[in-house]
C-alpha atoms as a PDB file:
ATOM      1  CA  UNK A   1       0.000   0.000   0.000  1.00  0.00           C
ATOM      2  CA  UNK A   2       2.889   2.380   0.631  1.00  0.00           C
ATOM      3  CA  UNK A   3       3.994   2.128  -3.017  1.00  0.00           C
ATOM      4  CA  UNK A   4       0.483   2.925  -4.182  1.00  0.00           C
ATOM      5  CA  UNK A   5       0.303   5.921  -1.885  1.00  0.00           C
ATOM      6  CA  UNK A   6       3.627   7.259  -3.135  1.00  0.00           C
ATOM      7  CA  UNK A   7       2.693   6.759  -6.778  1.00  0.00           C
ATOM      8  CA  UNK A   8      -0.683   8.453  -6.516  1.00  0.00           C
ATOM      9  CA  UNK A   9      -0.114  11.059  -3.811  1.00  0.00           C
ATOM     10  CA  UNK A  10       0.832  13.875  -6.191  1.00  0.00           C
ATOM     11  CA  UNK A  11      -2.217  13.261  -8.335  1.00  0.00           C
ATOM     12  CA  UNK A  12      -4.407  13.084  -5.253  1.00  0.00           C
ATOM     13  CA  UNK A  13      -3.264  16.484  -4.044  1.00  0.00           C
ATOM     14  CA  UNK A  14      -3.748  17.999  -7.480  1.00  0.00           C
ATOM     15  CA  UNK A  15      -7.166  16.477  -8.072  1.00  0.00           C
ATOM     16  CA  UNK A  16      -8.785  16.942  -4.678  1.00  0.00           C
ATOM     17  CA  UNK A  17      -6.829  19.689  -2.950  1.00  0.00           C
ATOM     18  CA  UNK A  18      -7.608  20.187   0.730  1.00  0.00           C
ATOM     19  CA  UNK A  19     -11.182  18.926   0.447  1.00  0.00           C
ATOM     20  CA  UNK A  20     -10.436  15.197   0.319  1.00  0.00           C
ATOM     21  CA  UNK A  21     -11.864  13.217   3.204  1.00  0.00           C
ATOM     22  CA  UNK A  22     -11.346   9.552   3.913  1.00  0.00           C
ATOM     23  CA  UNK A  23     -14.545   7.896   5.180  1.00  0.00           C
ATOM     24  CA  UNK A  24     -14.497   5.095   7.689  1.00  0.00           C
ATOM     25  CA  UNK A  25     -14.244   1.696   5.986  1.00  0.00           C
ATOM     26  CA  UNK A  26     -17.407   0.548   7.744  1.00  0.00           C
ATOM     27  CA  UNK A  27     -19.331   3.208   5.850  1.00  0.00           C
ATOM     28  CA  UNK A  28     -18.177   1.737   2.545  1.00  0.00           C
ATOM     29  CA  UNK A  29     -19.031  -1.885   3.290  1.00  0.00           C
ATOM     30  CA  UNK A  30     -22.746  -2.372   2.718  1.00  0.00           C
ATOM     31  CA  UNK A  31     -24.869  -5.489   2.994  1.00  0.00           C
ATOM     32  CA  UNK A  32     -23.598  -9.021   3.269  1.00  0.00           C
ATOM     33  CA  UNK A  33     -21.710 -11.298   0.918  1.00  0.00           C
ATOM     34  CA  UNK A  34     -23.435 -14.566  -0.003  1.00  0.00           C
ATOM     35  CA  UNK A  35     -22.232 -17.709   1.708  1.00  0.00           C
ATOM     36  CA  UNK A  36     -21.411 -20.474  -0.786  1.00  0.00           C
ATOM     37  CA  UNK A  37     -21.790 -24.141   0.052  1.00  0.00           C
ATOM     38  CA  UNK A  38     -18.352 -25.761  -0.119  1.00  0.00           C
ATOM     39  CA  UNK A  39     -18.367 -28.063  -3.181  1.00  0.00           C
ATOM     40  CA  UNK A  40     -15.341 -30.255  -2.347  1.00  0.00           C
ATOM     41  CA  UNK A  41     -12.567 -30.766   0.192  1.00  0.00           C
ATOM     42  CA  UNK A  42      -9.689 -31.402  -2.199  1.00  0.00           C
ATOM     43  CA  UNK A  43      -8.603 -31.263  -5.842  1.00  0.00           C
ATOM     44  CA  UNK A  44      -5.555 -32.420  -7.783  1.00  0.00           C
ATOM     45  CA  UNK A  45      -2.679 -30.102  -8.621  1.00  0.00           C
ATOM     46  CA  UNK A  46      -2.691 -31.150 -12.290  1.00  0.00           C
ATOM     47  CA  UNK A  47      -6.006 -29.329 -12.897  1.00  0.00           C
ATOM     48  CA  UNK A  48      -7.929 -32.471 -13.865  1.00  0.00           C
ATOM     49  CA  UNK A  49     -10.547 -31.810 -11.175  1.00  0.00           C
ATOM     50  CA  UNK A  50     -11.176 -28.125 -11.859  1.00  0.00           C
ATOM     51  CA  UNK A  51     -14.938 -28.647 -12.260  1.00  0.00           C
ATOM     52  CA  UNK A  52     -15.113 -30.142  -8.770  1.00  0.00           C
ATOM     53  CA  UNK A  53     -14.723 -26.609  -7.403  1.00  0.00           C
ATOM     54  CA  UNK A  54     -17.833 -25.332  -9.204  1.00  0.00           C
ATOM     55  CA  UNK A  55     -20.263 -23.641  -6.795  1.00  0.00           C
ATOM     56  CA  UNK A  56     -23.860 -24.663  -7.441  1.00  0.00           C
ATOM     57  CA  UNK A  57     -25.502 -23.379  -4.270  1.00  0.00           C
ATOM     58  CA  UNK A  58     -25.229 -20.318  -2.026  1.00  0.00           C
ATOM     59  CA  UNK A  59     -26.655 -20.420   1.501  1.00  0.00           C
ATOM     60  CA  UNK A  60     -27.440 -16.716   1.463  1.00  0.00           C
ATOM     61  CA  UNK A  61     -28.385 -14.759  -1.689  1.00  0.00           C
ATOM     62  CA  UNK A  62     -26.656 -11.718  -0.208  1.00  0.00           C
ATOM     63  CA  UNK A  63     -27.196  -8.064  -1.023  1.00  0.00           C
ATOM     64  CA  UNK A  64     -25.228  -7.857  -4.275  1.00  0.00           C
ATOM     65  CA  UNK A  65     -25.965  -9.881  -7.406  1.00  0.00           C
ATOM     66  CA  UNK A  66     -22.337  -9.629  -8.551  1.00  0.00           C
ATOM     67  CA  UNK A  67     -20.134 -12.042  -6.673  1.00  0.00           C
ATOM     68  CA  UNK A  68     -16.776 -13.737  -7.164  1.00  0.00           C
ATOM     69  CA  UNK A  69     -14.553 -16.136  -5.258  1.00  0.00           C
ATOM     70  CA  UNK A  70     -11.128 -14.846  -4.213  1.00  0.00           C
ATOM     71  CA  UNK A  71      -8.547 -17.638  -3.854  1.00  0.00           C
ATOM     72  CA  UNK A  72      -5.754 -17.039  -1.341  1.00  0.00           C
ATOM     73  CA  UNK A  73      -2.769 -19.043  -0.088  1.00  0.00           C
ATOM     74  CA  UNK A  74      -0.860 -18.595   3.201  1.00  0.00           C
ATOM     75  CA  UNK A  75       2.568 -17.132   2.484  1.00  0.00           C
ATOM     76  CA  UNK A  76       5.460 -16.288   4.786  1.00  0.00           C
ATOM     77  CA  UNK A  77       6.396 -12.659   4.138  1.00  0.00           C
ATOM     78  CA  UNK A  78       9.293 -12.735   6.589  1.00  0.00           C
ATOM     79  CA  UNK A  79       7.410 -10.900   9.307  1.00  0.00           C
ATOM     80  CA  UNK A  80       4.168 -12.890   9.268  1.00  0.00           C
ATOM     81  CA  UNK A  81       2.222 -15.554   7.416  1.00  0.00           C
ATOM     82  CA  UNK A  82      -0.581 -13.880   5.452  1.00  0.00           C
ATOM     83  CA  UNK A  83      -3.169 -15.047   2.912  1.00  0.00           C
ATOM     84  CA  UNK A  84      -1.903 -13.783  -0.461  1.00  0.00           C
ATOM     85  CA  UNK A  85      -4.408 -13.482  -3.324  1.00  0.00           C
ATOM     86  CA  UNK A  86      -3.751 -16.063  -6.054  1.00  0.00           C
ATOM     87  CA  UNK A  87      -6.675 -15.235  -8.331  1.00  0.00           C
ATOM     88  CA  UNK A  88     -10.385 -14.545  -8.739  1.00  0.00           C
ATOM     89  CA  UNK A  89     -13.037 -16.955  -9.995  1.00  0.00           C
ATOM     90  CA  UNK A  90     -16.586 -16.312 -11.194  1.00  0.00           C
ATOM     91  CA  UNK A  91     -17.924 -19.710 -10.090  1.00  0.00           C
ATOM     92  CA  UNK A  92     -15.351 -21.265  -7.766  1.00  0.00           C
ATOM     93  CA  UNK A  93     -13.496 -23.221 -10.456  1.00  0.00           C
ATOM     94  CA  UNK A  94      -9.750 -22.608 -10.548  1.00  0.00           C
ATOM     95  CA  UNK A  95      -6.967 -24.313 -12.497  1.00  0.00           C
ATOM     96  CA  UNK A  96      -4.122 -25.058 -10.112  1.00  0.00           C
ATOM     97  CA  UNK A  97      -2.072 -26.560 -12.948  1.00  0.00           C
ATOM     98  CA  UNK A  98      -0.932 -23.166 -14.284  1.00  0.00           C
ATOM     99  CA  UNK A  99       0.030 -20.182 -12.156  1.00  0.00           C
ATOM    100  CA  UNK A 100       0.441 -17.988 -15.222  1.00  0.00           C
ATOM    101  CA  UNK A 101       4.010 -19.035 -15.952  1.00  0.00           C
ATOM    102  CA  UNK A 102       3.255 -22.609 -17.013  1.00  0.00           C
ATOM    103  CA  UNK A 103       4.070 -24.054 -13.599  1.00  0.00           C
ATOM    104  CA  UNK A 104       1.518 -25.512 -11.168  1.00  0.00           C
ATOM    105  CA  UNK A 105       0.497 -23.778  -7.963  1.00  0.00           C
ATOM    106  CA  UNK A 106       2.147 -25.296  -4.877  1.00  0.00           C
ATOM    107  CA  UNK A 107       0.301 -27.999  -2.997  1.00  0.00           C
ATOM    108  CA  UNK A 108      -1.291 -26.971   0.276  1.00  0.00           C
ATOM    109  CA  UNK A 109      -4.470 -25.522   1.711  1.00  0.00           C
ATOM    110  CA  UNK A 110      -6.111 -22.676  -0.218  1.00  0.00           C
ATOM    111  CA  UNK A 111      -8.856 -20.422   1.104  1.00  0.00           C
ATOM    112  CA  UNK A 112     -11.926 -19.490  -0.985  1.00  0.00           C
ATOM    113  CA  UNK A 113     -13.631 -16.252   0.100  1.00  0.00           C
ATOM    114  CA  UNK A 114     -16.798 -14.809  -1.443  1.00  0.00           C
ATOM    115  CA  UNK A 115     -16.450 -11.183  -2.558  1.00  0.00           C
ATOM    116  CA  UNK A 116     -19.702  -9.392  -3.487  1.00  0.00           C
ATOM    117  CA  UNK A 117     -19.870  -5.991  -5.158  1.00  0.00           C
ATOM    118  CA  UNK A 118     -21.852  -3.569  -7.294  1.00  0.00           C
ATOM    119  CA  UNK A 119     -20.827  -3.674 -10.978  1.00  0.00           C
ATOM    120  CA  UNK A 120     -21.705  -0.013 -11.567  1.00  0.00           C
ATOM    121  CA  UNK A 121     -19.415   1.039  -8.741  1.00  0.00           C
ATOM    122  CA  UNK A 122     -16.642  -1.247  -9.992  1.00  0.00           C
ATOM    123  CA  UNK A 123     -16.865   0.384 -13.425  1.00  0.00           C
ATOM    124  CA  UNK A 124     -16.685   3.814 -11.778  1.00  0.00           C
ATOM    125  CA  UNK A 125     -13.594   2.691  -9.895  1.00  0.00           C
ATOM    126  CA  UNK A 126     -11.937   1.552 -13.135  1.00  0.00           C
ATOM    127  CA  UNK A 127     -12.774   4.858 -14.800  1.00  0.00           C
ATOM    128  CA  UNK A 128     -11.291   6.703 -11.833  1.00  0.00           C
ATOM    129  CA  UNK A 129      -7.915   4.954 -11.752  1.00  0.00           C
ATOM    130  CA  UNK A 130      -7.445   4.321 -15.490  1.00  0.00           C
ATOM    131  CA  UNK A 131      -5.931   7.771 -16.203  1.00  0.00           C
ATOM    132  CA  UNK A 132      -3.264   7.026 -13.613  1.00  0.00           C
ATOM    133  CA  UNK A 133      -2.207   3.619 -14.909  1.00  0.00           C
ATOM    134  CA  UNK A 134      -0.200   4.753 -17.977  1.00  0.00           C
ATOM    135  CA  UNK A 135       1.924   6.850 -15.607  1.00  0.00           C
ATOM    136  CA  UNK A 136       2.803   3.589 -13.860  1.00  0.00           C
ATOM    137  CA  UNK A 137       3.355   1.840 -17.227  1.00  0.00           C
ATOM    138  CA  UNK A 138       0.406  -0.419 -16.557  1.00  0.00           C
ATOM    139  CA  UNK A 139      -2.451  -1.180 -19.012  1.00  0.00           C
ATOM    140  CA  UNK A 140      -5.841   0.348 -18.338  1.00  0.00           C
ATOM    141  CA  UNK A 141      -8.832  -1.705 -17.191  1.00  0.00           C
ATOM    142  CA  UNK A 142     -11.510  -2.437 -19.827  1.00  0.00           C
ATOM    143  CA  UNK A 143     -15.015  -1.316 -18.891  1.00  0.00           C
ATOM    144  CA  UNK A 144     -17.278  -3.112 -17.988  1.00  0.00           C
ATOM    145  CA  UNK A 145     -14.612  -4.057 -15.495  1.00  0.00           C
ATOM    146  CA  UNK A 146     -13.961  -7.532 -14.157  1.00  0.00           C
ATOM    147  CA  UNK A 147     -12.950  -7.853 -10.524  1.00  0.00           C
ATOM    148  CA  UNK A 148      -9.958 -10.000 -11.454  1.00  0.00           C
ATOM    149  CA  UNK A 149      -8.639  -7.159 -13.647  1.00  0.00           C
ATOM    150  CA  UNK A 150      -8.817  -4.729 -10.738  1.00  0.00           C
ATOM    151  CA  UNK A 151      -6.994  -7.219  -8.528  1.00  0.00           C
ATOM    152  CA  UNK A 152      -4.350  -7.674 -11.238  1.00  0.00           C
ATOM    153  CA  UNK A 153      -3.778  -3.914 -11.346  1.00  0.00           C
ATOM    154  CA  UNK A 154      -3.373  -3.781  -7.580  1.00  0.00           C
ATOM    155  CA  UNK A 155      -0.950  -6.723  -7.699  1.00  0.00           C
ATOM    156  CA  UNK A 156       0.980  -5.070 -10.531  1.00  0.00           C
ATOM    157  CA  UNK A 157       1.372  -1.853  -8.554  1.00  0.00           C
ATOM    158  CA  UNK A 158       1.749  -3.265  -5.050  1.00  0.00           C
ATOM    159  CA  UNK A 159       3.178  -6.721  -5.600  1.00  0.00           C
ATOM    160  CA  UNK A 160       1.574  -9.578  -3.621  1.00  0.00           C
ATOM    161  CA  UNK A 161      -1.677  -8.457  -1.999  1.00  0.00           C
ATOM    162  CA  UNK A 162      -4.169  -9.715   0.558  1.00  0.00           C
ATOM    163  CA  UNK A 163      -7.921  -9.135   0.695  1.00  0.00           C
ATOM    164  CA  UNK A 164      -7.166  -6.662   3.479  1.00  0.00           C
ATOM    165  CA  UNK A 165      -4.927  -4.709   1.073  1.00  0.00           C
ATOM    166  CA  UNK A 166      -7.828  -4.497  -1.377  1.00  0.00           C
ATOM    167  CA  UNK A 167     -10.132  -3.304   1.398  1.00  0.00           C
ATOM    168  CA  UNK A 168      -7.606  -0.658   2.369  1.00  0.00           C
ATOM    169  CA  UNK A 169      -7.339   0.592  -1.212  1.00  0.00           C
ATOM    170  CA  UNK A 170     -11.121   0.744  -1.575  1.00  0.00           C
ATOM    171  CA  UNK A 171     -12.027   2.239   1.782  1.00  0.00           C
ATOM    172  CA  UNK A 172      -9.062   4.315   2.863  1.00  0.00           C
ATOM    173  CA  UNK A 173      -7.082   5.432  -0.173  1.00  0.00           C
ATOM    174  CA  UNK A 174      -9.380   5.803  -3.181  1.00  0.00           C
ATOM    175  CA  UNK A 175     -11.534   8.457  -1.471  1.00  0.00           C
ATOM    176  CA  UNK A 176      -8.391  10.600  -1.204  1.00  0.00           C
ATOM    177  CA  UNK A 177      -8.353  10.704  -5.010  1.00  0.00           C
ATOM    178  CA  UNK A 178     -12.021  11.562  -5.247  1.00  0.00           C
ATOM    179  CA  UNK A 179     -14.018  12.420  -2.124  1.00  0.00           C
ATOM    180  CA  UNK A 180     -17.212  10.956  -3.571  1.00  0.00           C
ATOM    181  CA  UNK A 181     -15.582   7.675  -4.586  1.00  0.00           C
ATOM    182  CA  UNK A 182     -17.081   4.545  -3.089  1.00  0.00           C
ATOM    183  CA  UNK A 183     -17.217   0.882  -3.906  1.00  0.00           C
ATOM    184  CA  UNK A 184     -19.884  -0.836  -1.795  1.00  0.00           C
ATOM    185  CA  UNK A 185     -18.813  -4.440  -1.330  1.00  0.00           C
ATOM    186  CA  UNK A 186     -18.798  -7.225   1.210  1.00  0.00           C
ATOM    187  CA  UNK A 187     -16.522 -10.157   1.995  1.00  0.00           C
ATOM    188  CA  UNK A 188     -18.085 -13.361   3.292  1.00  0.00           C
ATOM    189  CA  UNK A 189     -17.348 -14.286   6.887  1.00  0.00           C
ATOM    190  CA  UNK A 190     -17.212 -18.035   6.180  1.00  0.00           C
ATOM    191  CA  UNK A 191     -14.382 -18.734   3.717  1.00  0.00           C
ATOM    192  CA  UNK A 192     -13.807 -22.431   3.158  1.00  0.00           C
ATOM    193  CA  UNK A 193     -10.565 -24.327   2.552  1.00  0.00           C
ATOM    194  CA  UNK A 194      -9.621 -26.685  -0.279  1.00  0.00           C
ATOM    195  CA  UNK A 195      -6.572 -28.949  -0.143  1.00  0.00           C
ATOM    196  CA  UNK A 196      -4.547 -29.121  -3.376  1.00  0.00           C
ATOM    197  CA  UNK A 197      -2.806 -32.516  -3.633  1.00  0.00           C
ATOM    198  CA  UNK A 198      -0.565 -34.236  -6.148  1.00  0.00           C
ATOM    199  CA  UNK A 199      -2.536 -37.502  -5.838  1.00  0.00           C
ATOM    200  CA  UNK A 200      -5.013 -39.387  -3.690  1.00  0.00           C
ATOM    201  CA  UNK A 201      -7.851 -36.887  -3.812  1.00  0.00           C
ATOM    202  CA  UNK A 202     -11.379 -38.134  -4.495  1.00  0.00           C
ATOM    203  CA  UNK A 203     -13.363 -35.078  -5.514  1.00  0.00           C
ATOM    204  CA  UNK A 204     -16.230 -34.253  -3.176  1.00  0.00           C
ATOM    205  CA  UNK A 205     -15.319 -36.652  -0.347  1.00  0.00           C
ATOM    206  CA  UNK A 206     -17.587 -35.921   2.595  1.00  0.00           C
ATOM    207  CA  UNK A 207     -19.422 -33.226   0.626  1.00  0.00           C
ATOM    208  CA  UNK A 208     -22.004 -33.401  -2.095  1.00  0.00           C
ATOM    209  CA  UNK A 209     -19.997 -33.225  -5.320  1.00  0.00           C
ATOM    210  CA  UNK A 210     -21.643 -30.875  -7.866  1.00  0.00           C
ATOM    211  CA  UNK A 211     -20.561 -32.926 -10.881  1.00  0.00           C
ATOM    212  CA  UNK A 212     -20.441 -36.425  -9.452  1.00  0.00           C
ATOM    213  CA  UNK A 213     -22.352 -39.213 -11.167  1.00  0.00           C
ATOM    214  CA  UNK A 214     -24.467 -40.756  -8.402  1.00  0.00           C
ATOM    215  CA  UNK A 215     -27.159 -43.402  -8.139  1.00  0.00           C
ATOM    216  CA  UNK A 216     -29.442 -41.527 -10.532  1.00  0.00           C
ATOM    217  CA  UNK A 217     -26.826 -41.701 -13.296  1.00  0.00           C
ATOM    218  CA  UNK A 218     -27.721 -38.410 -14.967  1.00  0.00           C
ATOM    219  CA  UNK A 219     -26.157 -37.065 -18.158  1.00  0.00           C
ATOM    220  CA  UNK A 220     -26.940 -34.358 -20.705  1.00  0.00           C
ATOM    221  CA  UNK A 221     -26.464 -34.125 -24.471  1.00  0.00           C
ATOM    222  CA  UNK A 222     -25.508 -32.400 -26.624  1.00  0.00           C
ATOM    223  CA  UNK A 223     -23.085 -30.188 -24.732  1.00  0.00           C
ATOM    224  CA  UNK A 224     -22.683 -27.430 -25.722  1.00  0.00           C
ATOM    225  CA  UNK A 225     -25.945 -26.577 -27.494  1.00  0.00           C
ATOM    226  CA  UNK A 226     -27.973 -23.581 -28.585  1.00  0.00           C
ATOM    227  CA  UNK A 227     -31.661 -24.330 -28.042  1.00  0.00           C
ATOM    228  CA  UNK A 228     -32.364 -27.697 -26.404  1.00  0.00           C
ATOM    229  CA  UNK A 229     -30.624 -30.405 -24.414  1.00  0.00           C
ATOM    230  CA  UNK A 230     -31.729 -33.924 -23.536  1.00  0.00           C
ATOM    231  CA  UNK A 231     -31.458 -34.967 -19.897  1.00  0.00           C
ATOM    232  CA  UNK A 232     -30.838 -38.695 -19.614  1.00  0.00           C
ATOM    233  CA  UNK A 233     -31.990 -40.034 -16.235  1.00  0.00           C
ATOM    234  CA  UNK A 234     -31.459 -43.752 -15.705  1.00  0.00           C
ATOM    235  CA  UNK A 235     -34.049 -44.074 -12.928  1.00  0.00           C
ATOM    236  CA  UNK A 236     -37.080 -41.812 -12.548  1.00  0.00           C
ATOM    237  CA  UNK A 237     -39.944 -41.728 -10.076  1.00  0.00           C
ATOM    238  CA  UNK A 238     -42.977 -39.490  -9.482  1.00  0.00           C
ATOM    239  CA  UNK A 239     -40.780 -37.539  -7.071  1.00  0.00           C
ATOM    240  CA  UNK A 240     -38.002 -36.847  -9.569  1.00  0.00           C
ATOM    241  CA  UNK A 241     -37.360 -33.090  -9.557  1.00  0.00           C
ATOM    242  CA  UNK A 242     -35.019 -31.036 -11.702  1.00  0.00           C
ATOM    243  CA  UNK A 243     -33.514 -27.630 -10.899  1.00  0.00           C
ATOM    244  CA  UNK A 244     -31.174 -25.597 -13.106  1.00  0.00           C
ATOM    245  CA  UNK A 245     -28.670 -23.125 -11.632  1.00  0.00           C
ATOM    246  CA  UNK A 246     -26.443 -20.552 -13.282  1.00  0.00           C
ATOM    247  CA  UNK A 247     -22.793 -20.181 -12.227  1.00  0.00           C
ATOM    248  CA  UNK A 248     -23.767 -17.566  -9.623  1.00  0.00           C
ATOM    249  CA  UNK A 249     -25.998 -20.131  -7.888  1.00  0.00           C
ATOM    250  CA  UNK A 250     -29.301 -18.582  -9.002  1.00  0.00           C
ATOM    251  CA  UNK A 251     -32.085 -21.010  -9.889  1.00  0.00           C
ATOM    252  CA  UNK A 252     -33.293 -20.426 -13.466  1.00  0.00           C
ATOM    253  CA  UNK A 253     -35.568 -23.487 -13.867  1.00  0.00           C
ATOM    254  CA  UNK A 254     -37.414 -25.895 -11.577  1.00  0.00           C
ATOM    255  CA  UNK A 255     -39.751 -28.744 -12.589  1.00  0.00           C
ATOM    256  CA  UNK A 256     -40.588 -32.442 -12.129  1.00  0.00           C
ATOM    257  CA  UNK A 257     -40.377 -35.210 -14.721  1.00  0.00           C
ATOM    258  CA  UNK A 258     -41.258 -38.893 -15.109  1.00  0.00           C
ATOM    259  CA  UNK A 259     -39.351 -39.294 -18.371  1.00  0.00           C
ATOM    260  CA  UNK A 260     -35.988 -41.022 -18.598  1.00  0.00           C
ATOM    261  CA  UNK A 261     -35.203 -38.693 -21.488  1.00  0.00           C
ATOM    262  CA  UNK A 262     -36.420 -35.184 -20.840  1.00  0.00           C
ATOM    263  CA  UNK A 263     -36.045 -32.494 -23.500  1.00  0.00           C
ATOM    264  CA  UNK A 264     -35.067 -29.230 -21.813  1.00  0.00           C
ATOM    265  CA  UNK A 265     -35.624 -26.015 -23.762  1.00  0.00           C
ATOM    266  CA  UNK A 266     -32.747 -23.644 -22.983  1.00  0.00           C
ATOM    267  CA  UNK A 267     -33.335 -21.209 -25.840  1.00  0.00           C
ATOM    268  CA  UNK A 268     -34.321 -18.489 -23.368  1.00  0.00           C
ATOM    269  CA  UNK A 269     -31.195 -18.993 -21.240  1.00  0.00           C
ATOM    270  CA  UNK A 270     -28.300 -16.592 -21.530  1.00  0.00           C
ATOM    271  CA  UNK A 271     -25.088 -18.030 -22.970  1.00  0.00           C
ATOM    272  CA  UNK A 272     -22.931 -19.742 -20.395  1.00  0.00           C
ATOM    273  CA  UNK A 273     -22.567 -22.788 -18.191  1.00  0.00           C
ATOM    274  CA  UNK A 274     -25.367 -24.175 -16.004  1.00  0.00           C
ATOM    275  CA  UNK A 275     -25.611 -26.975 -13.455  1.00  0.00           C
ATOM    276  CA  UNK A 276     -28.638 -29.285 -13.492  1.00  0.00           C
ATOM    277  CA  UNK A 277     -29.576 -30.871 -10.146  1.00  0.00           C
ATOM    278  CA  UNK A 278     -31.743 -34.011 -10.384  1.00  0.00           C
ATOM    279  CA  UNK A 279     -33.247 -35.431  -7.182  1.00  0.00           C
ATOM    280  CA  UNK A 280     -35.490 -38.388  -6.346  1.00  0.00           C
ATOM    281  CA  UNK A 281     -36.092 -37.115  -2.829  1.00  0.00           C
ATOM    282  CA  UNK A 282     -33.225 -39.158  -1.378  1.00  0.00           C
ATOM    283  CA  UNK A 283     -30.297 -38.656  -3.749  1.00  0.00           C
ATOM    284  CA  UNK A 284     -29.285 -35.590  -5.712  1.00  0.00           C
ATOM    285  CA  UNK A 285     -26.995 -35.806  -8.732  1.00  0.00           C
ATOM    286  CA  UNK A 286     -25.637 -32.943 -10.836  1.00  0.00           C
ATOM    287  CA  UNK A 287     -24.580 -32.602 -14.434  1.00  0.00           C
ATOM    288  CA  UNK A 288     -23.339 -29.691 -16.520  1.00  0.00           C
ATOM    289  CA  UNK A 289     -24.887 -28.048 -19.585  1.00  0.00           C
ATOM    290  CA  UNK A 290     -23.544 -25.199 -21.708  1.00  0.00           C
ATOM    291  CA  UNK A 291     -25.657 -22.735 -23.715  1.00  0.00           C
ATOM    292  CA  UNK A 292     -23.801 -21.254 -26.701  1.00  0.00           C
END
């Protein structure tokens, strides 16, 4: 944070003069972040189990519709062990096989923390700091802005960062550039941990696995598709229910079926990946569909 302060201090004085005021961080943090249900306890370092990390359910819808998962890893900085941000995910999935240089992330225990925000405010933040980035020889942030891009900028300027560093930039420093600047956001208070192993991990052990093939033996085809997908359910009963969730955990469809092959119309869905949960009242199995 000191490097960021030094780099921007001259601009801050020029832009805001003596009228800049730094609000208390508590005033900037509004609402509550959603609490995701942990999808798995472990994944493999080679990235073969990336989909096991997919979040299909959130305990609390939260205040903000825009939410991401921030992945951190405990790192010894010499003075303390702190959780350094490794990346940001839209749906919990994360490829530990490539850290950006072609090498895998180290094995160990990673923390997944929900970060909820307002997209309009994030875009305003990007517009605010973009004029400063060329001075630091750093590329500007495209708008609409993605949270991972903002984190990348902070990492580029500051070096390794923690979620607390991001909070400090949002709540304590940015208002010194523009007194009216704010970025309402919330960080979940129940981050979960995932163990990254070289071998021996069975995805979803002890936890319902979002993409596991269970007793219902559910599959979908074709994937991807544009207008319709066939759900193949080996065993159906009058209690067989189907729910479709987007990657943010929002339910977009909910119905019952007695057909082993059910044609699902997804023409009205937005493009992207969805998770289909099929339940007979005792067992729930998930499969993935993709709308092009």
